[in-house]
């Protein structure tokens, strides 16, 4: 019995050592990858890879200066109006479901959409995976970690730049340059206010909500986005990011 007990303790120690080493390696490697992505675009993401089998992969990364001001403004207006102010998580948006009449302090527009910020969406798009079910809750834990890490190691401009380059904007279409070329046959830096709003209006379900031809959802949503763009455009914190 004593021998069996000793063997069991030895086995548990080996498991514990392996577990510690595994998580230490995972932490160090993820930290290094986030640092690398501060300067370089990810070579490919899990979402891009899985979509490529069914829809192909249309993607063309572009730099900050090659993305229209209108797109940057439209993304924040539609997806995360407190982006300039939060540290990755919008607590007010998280509370929205308990108080749906709560207004955005800056714009007085009723908060809408999910509580997922641009920072969270970027962390999910670049480092994690999509999907629902049990794995969604597992992903949320990692999402919290990567969101905090990107907010710590990147700046807001970089987060928005990576977001606009990696988010899906149509079946197999990733990033604003590929979307701009596909829908309007022009470079992303030349998108008008209306065109930018239409592309952003296809979120969060670009496979269902078509930009061209315009789905009902896009036709209904993009004028709202333009209105919200006008409402928030003069904010100094916002301008410090998107200019």
Protein backbone atom coordinates (compact mmCIF):
# COMPACT_ATOMS: atom_id res chain seq x y z
CA UNK A 1 0.00 0.00 0.00
CA UNK A 2 2.83 2.35 0.91
CA UNK A 3 4.48 1.62 -2.43
CA UNK A 4 1.24 2.31 -4.33
CA UNK A 5 0.75 5.56 -2.41
CA UNK A 6 4.31 6.63 -3.22
CA UNK A 7 3.81 5.83 -6.92
CA UNK A 8 0.56 7.81 -6.97
CA UNK A 9 2.26 10.84 -5.39
CA UNK A 10 5.13 10.58 -7.86
CA UNK A 11 2.66 10.43 -10.77
CA UNK A 12 0.73 13.45 -9.49
CA UNK A 13 3.96 15.41 -9.11
CA UNK A 14 4.90 14.65 -12.73
CA UNK A 15 1.45 15.73 -13.89
CA UNK A 16 1.71 18.93 -11.86
CA UNK A 17 5.18 19.72 -13.27
CA UNK A 18 3.95 19.10 -16.81
CA UNK A 19 0.89 21.31 -16.22
CA UNK A 20 3.00 24.17 -14.85
CA UNK A 21 5.42 23.95 -17.76
CA UNK A 22 2.59 23.81 -20.28
CA UNK A 23 0.89 26.94 -18.94
CA UNK A 24 4.19 28.77 -18.59
CA UNK A 25 5.03 27.94 -22.22
CA UNK A 26 1.51 28.98 -23.32
CA UNK A 27 1.79 32.29 -21.48
CA UNK A 28 5.27 33.13 -22.80
CA UNK A 29 4.47 32.13 -26.40
CA UNK A 30 1.15 34.03 -26.41
CA UNK A 31 2.84 37.09 -24.93
CA UNK A 32 5.53 37.01 -27.61
CA UNK A 33 2.94 36.56 -30.39
CA UNK A 34 0.92 39.54 -29.15
CA UNK A 35 4.10 41.64 -29.13
CA UNK A 36 4.92 40.52 -32.69
CA UNK A 37 1.40 41.42 -33.84
CA UNK A 38 1.93 44.90 -32.43
CA UNK A 39 4.11 45.46 -35.48
CA UNK A 40 3.15 42.74 -37.98
CA UNK A 41 -0.24 41.52 -39.16
CA UNK A 42 -1.08 37.90 -38.23
CA UNK A 43 -0.10 35.52 -41.07
CA UNK A 44 -3.51 33.84 -40.75
CA UNK A 45 -6.24 33.43 -38.15
CA UNK A 46 -8.32 30.43 -37.13
CA UNK A 47 -11.45 32.08 -38.57
CA UNK A 48 -9.75 32.80 -41.90
CA UNK A 49 -8.42 29.27 -42.10
CA UNK A 50 -11.75 27.57 -41.36
CA UNK A 51 -13.64 29.85 -43.76
CA UNK A 52 -11.16 29.26 -46.57
CA UNK A 53 -12.35 25.68 -47.02
CA UNK A 54 -15.92 26.76 -47.80
CA UNK A 55 -15.62 30.26 -49.22
CA UNK A 56 -12.00 30.76 -50.18
CA UNK A 57 -9.95 33.57 -48.69
CA UNK A 58 -10.06 37.16 -49.97
CA UNK A 59 -7.69 39.25 -47.88
CA UNK A 60 -5.34 42.16 -48.43
CA UNK A 61 -3.84 43.78 -45.34
CA UNK A 62 -3.31 47.55 -45.57
CA UNK A 63 -1.68 50.10 -43.30
CA UNK A 64 -3.36 52.77 -41.18
CA UNK A 65 -2.97 55.50 -43.81
CA UNK A 66 -4.57 53.30 -46.45
CA UNK A 67 -7.83 53.01 -44.52
CA UNK A 68 -10.42 55.72 -45.04
CA UNK A 69 -11.16 58.06 -42.15
CA UNK A 70 -14.82 57.29 -42.87
CA UNK A 71 -14.31 53.57 -42.17
CA UNK A 72 -12.58 54.20 -38.85
CA UNK A 73 -15.36 56.54 -37.78
CA UNK A 74 -18.11 54.18 -38.98
CA UNK A 75 -16.64 51.20 -37.12
CA UNK A 76 -16.49 53.04 -33.81
CA UNK A 77 -19.91 54.65 -34.32
CA UNK A 78 -21.54 51.30 -35.03
CA UNK A 79 -19.60 48.81 -32.96
CA UNK A 80 -18.10 50.53 -29.93
CA UNK A 81 -18.74 54.21 -29.24
CA UNK A 82 -16.80 54.13 -25.97
CA UNK A 83 -13.72 52.67 -27.66
CA UNK A 84 -11.56 55.76 -26.98
CA UNK A 85 -12.35 55.65 -23.26
CA UNK A 86 -12.45 52.05 -22.08
CA UNK A 87 -9.57 49.68 -21.27
CA UNK A 88 -10.95 46.83 -23.36
CA UNK A 89 -14.31 46.19 -21.69
CA UNK A 90 -17.40 48.40 -21.77
CA UNK A 91 -19.01 47.93 -18.37
CA UNK A 92 -22.00 50.10 -19.28
CA UNK A 93 -22.69 47.95 -22.35
CA UNK A 94 -22.45 44.83 -20.22
CA UNK A 95 -25.14 46.28 -17.97
CA UNK A 96 -27.30 47.23 -20.96
CA UNK A 97 -29.40 44.09 -20.79
CA UNK A 98 -30.47 45.06 -17.27
CA UNK A 99 -31.27 48.65 -18.28
CA UNK A 100 -32.04 48.86 -22.03
CA UNK A 101 -33.03 52.54 -21.81
CA UNK A 102 -29.56 53.57 -20.63
CA UNK A 103 -27.99 56.15 -22.93
CA UNK A 104 -24.44 56.62 -24.12
CA UNK A 105 -23.03 59.51 -22.08
CA UNK A 106 -21.47 61.19 -25.11
CA UNK A 107 -24.07 60.69 -27.82
CA UNK A 108 -27.34 60.17 -25.93
CA UNK A 109 -28.02 57.32 -28.35
CA UNK A 110 -29.54 54.20 -26.81
CA UNK A 111 -26.83 51.61 -26.44
CA UNK A 112 -27.34 48.74 -28.85
CA UNK A 113 -25.63 45.57 -30.01
CA UNK A 114 -23.63 43.14 -27.96
CA UNK A 115 -21.37 44.09 -25.08
CA UNK A 116 -18.34 42.96 -27.06
CA UNK A 117 -15.98 45.89 -27.67
CA UNK A 118 -13.72 46.41 -30.68
CA UNK A 119 -10.83 45.33 -28.45
CA UNK A 120 -12.61 42.08 -27.55
CA UNK A 121 -13.56 41.41 -31.16
CA UNK A 122 -9.96 41.99 -32.24
CA UNK A 123 -8.68 39.55 -29.60
CA UNK A 124 -11.21 36.95 -30.74
CA UNK A 125 -10.58 37.46 -34.47
CA UNK A 126 -6.79 37.37 -34.25
CA UNK A 127 -5.98 34.92 -31.46
CA UNK A 128 -9.06 32.74 -30.94
CA UNK A 129 -12.00 31.17 -32.75
CA UNK A 130 -15.69 31.81 -33.48
CA UNK A 131 -18.64 29.63 -32.60
CA UNK A 132 -21.24 29.00 -29.95
CA UNK A 133 -22.01 26.32 -27.39
CA UNK A 134 -19.72 25.18 -24.59
CA UNK A 135 -16.56 26.26 -26.43
CA UNK A 136 -17.90 29.82 -26.48
CA UNK A 137 -17.56 30.02 -22.70
CA UNK A 138 -14.05 28.58 -22.85
CA UNK A 139 -13.17 31.16 -25.51
CA UNK A 140 -14.54 33.99 -23.38
CA UNK A 141 -11.97 33.24 -20.70
CA UNK A 142 -9.12 33.42 -23.21
CA UNK A 143 -10.75 36.47 -24.79
CA UNK A 144 -10.53 38.32 -21.47
CA UNK A 145 -6.81 37.51 -21.28
CA UNK A 146 -5.96 38.51 -24.86
CA UNK A 147 -8.08 41.67 -24.68
CA UNK A 148 -6.22 42.84 -21.60
CA UNK A 149 -2.89 41.95 -23.19
CA UNK A 150 -3.56 43.85 -26.42
CA UNK A 151 -4.78 46.88 -24.50
CA UNK A 152 -1.57 46.75 -22.47
CA UNK A 153 0.89 46.17 -25.33
CA UNK A 154 -0.79 47.91 -28.27
CA UNK A 155 -2.40 51.33 -28.60
CA UNK A 156 -5.92 52.18 -29.73
CA UNK A 157 -4.84 52.96 -33.29
CA UNK A 158 -3.19 49.57 -33.64
CA UNK A 159 -6.20 47.76 -32.21
CA UNK A 160 -8.52 49.51 -34.66
CA UNK A 161 -6.13 48.95 -37.56
CA UNK A 162 -5.88 45.20 -36.88
CA UNK A 163 -9.64 45.00 -36.30
CA UNK A 164 -10.39 46.56 -39.70
CA UNK A 165 -7.88 44.27 -41.40
CA UNK A 166 -9.00 40.97 -39.88
CA UNK A 167 -12.75 41.14 -39.35
CA UNK A 168 -14.95 39.20 -41.77
CA UNK A 169 -16.97 41.50 -44.05
CA UNK A 170 -18.54 38.95 -46.35
CA UNK A 171 -18.30 35.21 -47.09
CA UNK A 172 -14.55 34.59 -47.14
CA UNK A 173 -13.87 38.36 -47.32
CA UNK A 174 -11.58 39.56 -44.55
CA UNK A 175 -10.56 43.13 -43.94
CA UNK A 176 -11.67 46.48 -45.27
CA UNK A 177 -9.41 46.49 -48.35
CA UNK A 178 -10.77 43.18 -49.65
CA UNK A 179 -14.32 44.30 -48.86
CA UNK A 180 -13.84 47.66 -50.56
CA UNK A 181 -12.44 46.02 -53.69
CA UNK A 182 -15.17 43.36 -53.76
CA UNK A 183 -18.18 45.64 -53.19
CA UNK A 184 -17.14 49.01 -54.66
CA UNK A 185 -14.07 48.23 -56.81
CA UNK A 186 -11.88 50.81 -55.11
CA UNK A 187 -9.19 51.02 -52.45
CA UNK A 188 -10.24 51.25 -48.81
CA UNK A 189 -8.66 54.70 -48.47
CA UNK A 190 -11.14 56.06 -51.04
CA UNK A 191 -14.38 54.86 -49.44
CA UNK A 192 -17.05 57.50 -49.02
CA UNK A 193 -19.04 57.99 -45.85
CA UNK A 194 -22.00 56.07 -47.26
CA UNK A 195 -19.89 53.20 -48.62
CA UNK A 196 -18.05 52.84 -45.32
CA UNK A 197 -21.32 52.77 -43.39
CA UNK A 198 -22.77 50.13 -45.72
CA UNK A 199 -19.80 47.80 -45.24
CA UNK A 200 -19.84 48.20 -41.46
CA UNK A 201 -23.62 47.63 -41.48
CA UNK A 202 -23.09 44.01 -42.52
CA UNK A 203 -21.68 43.27 -39.07
CA UNK A 204 -22.09 41.15 -37.00
CA UNK A 205 -23.30 38.60 -39.56
CA UNK A 206 -21.63 39.34 -42.92
CA UNK A 207 -22.61 35.99 -44.40
CA UNK A 208 -26.29 36.82 -43.90
CA UNK A 209 -26.33 40.61 -44.33
CA UNK A 210 -25.21 41.38 -47.88
CA UNK A 211 -23.63 44.73 -48.76
CA UNK A 212 -24.04 44.35 -52.53
CA UNK A 213 -26.80 43.62 -53.32
CA UNK A 214 -28.09 45.41 -50.23
CA UNK A 215 -29.89 43.23 -47.75
CA UNK A 216 -32.80 44.70 -45.81
CA UNK A 217 -30.66 44.87 -42.70
CA UNK A 218 -27.88 46.84 -44.40
CA UNK A 219 -30.36 49.21 -46.06
CA UNK A 220 -31.99 49.85 -42.67
CA UNK A 221 -28.79 50.03 -40.63
CA UNK A 222 -26.37 52.16 -42.66
CA UNK A 223 -28.35 55.46 -42.39
CA UNK A 224 -28.34 54.96 -38.62
CA UNK A 225 -24.58 54.49 -38.66
CA UNK A 226 -24.14 57.72 -40.64
CA UNK A 227 -26.28 59.55 -38.08
CA UNK A 228 -24.20 58.14 -35.25
CA UNK A 229 -20.99 59.08 -37.11
CA UNK A 230 -22.19 62.69 -37.24
CA UNK A 231 -23.08 62.63 -33.54
CA UNK A 232 -19.73 61.42 -32.25
CA UNK A 233 -17.33 62.88 -34.83
CA UNK A 234 -16.39 66.00 -32.85
CA UNK A 235 -15.27 64.08 -29.78
CA UNK A 236 -11.63 64.99 -29.04
CA UNK A 237 -10.65 61.55 -27.73
CA UNK A 238 -12.10 59.94 -30.85
CA UNK A 239 -10.33 62.36 -33.17
CA UNK A 240 -7.02 61.66 -31.44
CA UNK A 241 -7.37 58.04 -32.56
CA UNK A 242 -8.83 58.14 -36.06
CA UNK A 243 -6.98 61.13 -37.57
